[in-house]
C-alpha atoms as a PDB file:
ATOM      1  CA  MET A   1     138.082 -82.971 -30.320  1.00  0.00           C
ATOM      2  CA  ASN A   2     137.590 -80.539 -27.441  1.00  0.00           C
ATOM      3  CA  GLN A   3     140.883 -79.627 -25.775  1.00  0.00           C
ATOM      4  CA  SER A   4     140.725 -77.451 -22.700  1.00  0.00           C
ATOM      5  CA  ALA A   5     143.510 -75.203 -21.515  1.00  0.00           C
ATOM      6  CA  PRO A   6     146.151 -76.922 -19.361  1.00  0.00           C
ATOM      7  CA  ILE A   7     145.716 -76.583 -15.622  1.00  0.00           C
ATOM      8  CA  LEU A   8     148.612 -74.834 -13.912  1.00  0.00           C
ATOM      9  CA  ARG A   9     149.282 -75.706 -10.313  1.00  0.00           C
ATOM     10  CA  LYS A  10     149.807 -73.153  -7.570  1.00  0.00           C
ATOM     11  CA  GLY A  11     151.639 -73.137  -4.257  1.00  0.00           C
ATOM     12  CA  ARG A  12     155.129 -73.072  -2.785  1.00  0.00           C
ATOM     13  CA  LYS A  13     156.661 -75.532  -5.265  1.00  0.00           C
ATOM     14  CA  PHE A  14     155.085 -73.676  -8.160  1.00  0.00           C
ATOM     15  CA  ASP A  15     156.679 -70.450  -6.928  1.00  0.00           C
ATOM     16  CA  GLN A  16     160.027 -72.247  -6.631  1.00  0.00           C
ATOM     17  CA  VAL A  17     159.722 -73.512 -10.209  1.00  0.00           C
ATOM     18  CA  LEU A  18     158.951 -70.026 -11.517  1.00  0.00           C
ATOM     19  CA  GLU A  19     161.875 -68.493  -9.646  1.00  0.00           C
ATOM     20  CA  GLY A  20     164.243 -71.202 -10.904  1.00  0.00           C
ATOM     21  CA  ALA A  21     163.057 -70.663 -14.466  1.00  0.00           C
ATOM     22  CA  ARG A  22     163.398 -66.899 -14.129  1.00  0.00           C
ATOM     23  CA  THR A  23     166.991 -67.278 -12.886  1.00  0.00           C
ATOM     24  CA  VAL A  24     167.995 -69.565 -15.748  1.00  0.00           C
ATOM     25  CA  PHE A  25     166.187 -67.599 -18.460  1.00  0.00           C
ATOM     26  CA  MET A  26     167.810 -64.353 -17.329  1.00  0.00           C
ATOM     27  CA  ALA A  27     171.281 -65.940 -17.329  1.00  0.00           C
ATOM     28  CA  ASP A  28     171.077 -68.226 -20.372  1.00  0.00           C
ATOM     29  CA  GLY A  29     168.071 -67.015 -22.363  1.00  0.00           C
ATOM     30  CA  PHE A  30     165.141 -69.161 -23.359  1.00  0.00           C
ATOM     31  CA  GLU A  31     167.125 -71.034 -26.002  1.00  0.00           C
ATOM     32  CA  GLY A  32     169.904 -71.885 -23.554  1.00  0.00           C
ATOM     33  CA  ALA A  33     167.646 -73.116 -20.758  1.00  0.00           C
ATOM     34  CA  ARG A  34     167.503 -76.820 -19.978  1.00  0.00           C
ATOM     35  CA  VAL A  35     165.037 -78.636 -17.726  1.00  0.00           C
ATOM     36  CA  ASP A  36     167.723 -79.798 -15.309  1.00  0.00           C
ATOM     37  CA  ASN A  37     169.164 -76.284 -15.122  1.00  0.00           C
ATOM     38  CA  VAL A  38     165.760 -74.950 -14.070  1.00  0.00           C
ATOM     39  CA  ALA A  39     164.991 -77.762 -11.616  1.00  0.00           C
ATOM     40  CA  TRP A  40     168.244 -77.457  -9.668  1.00  0.00           C
ATOM     41  CA  PRO A  41     168.007 -73.784  -8.610  1.00  0.00           C
ATOM     42  CA  ALA A  42     164.280 -74.278  -7.993  1.00  0.00           C
ATOM     43  CA  GLY A  43     165.114 -77.027  -5.492  1.00  0.00           C
ATOM     44  CA  VAL A  44     162.798 -79.518  -7.151  1.00  0.00           C
ATOM     45  CA  ALA A  45     163.236 -82.773  -9.028  1.00  0.00           C
ATOM     46  CA  ARG A  46     163.024 -82.803 -12.817  1.00  0.00           C
ATOM     47  CA  GLY A  47     159.774 -84.772 -12.621  1.00  0.00           C
ATOM     48  CA  THR A  48     158.261 -82.179 -10.301  1.00  0.00           C
ATOM     49  CA  LEU A  49     159.155 -79.447 -12.745  1.00  0.00           C
ATOM     50  CA  CYS A  50     157.541 -81.334 -15.617  1.00  0.00           C
ATOM     51  CA  SER A  51     154.378 -81.959 -13.602  1.00  0.00           C
ATOM     52  CA  TYR A  52     153.963 -78.252 -12.843  1.00  0.00           C
ATOM     53  CA  LEU A  53     154.455 -76.956 -16.372  1.00  0.00           C
ATOM     54  CA  PRO A  54     152.779 -78.631 -19.344  1.00  0.00           C
END
């Protein structure tokens, strides 16, 4: 089975997602981060977050 690398999206929402994740990871660490806690400061819905990051 040939699996290619996941495609990461780019753009304003993507930048928001990364900034939200950075904020949460710096405060709570990777182990303490939760999807909803990343989506909220990023200003995106949970589904949007999941669609941007595989």
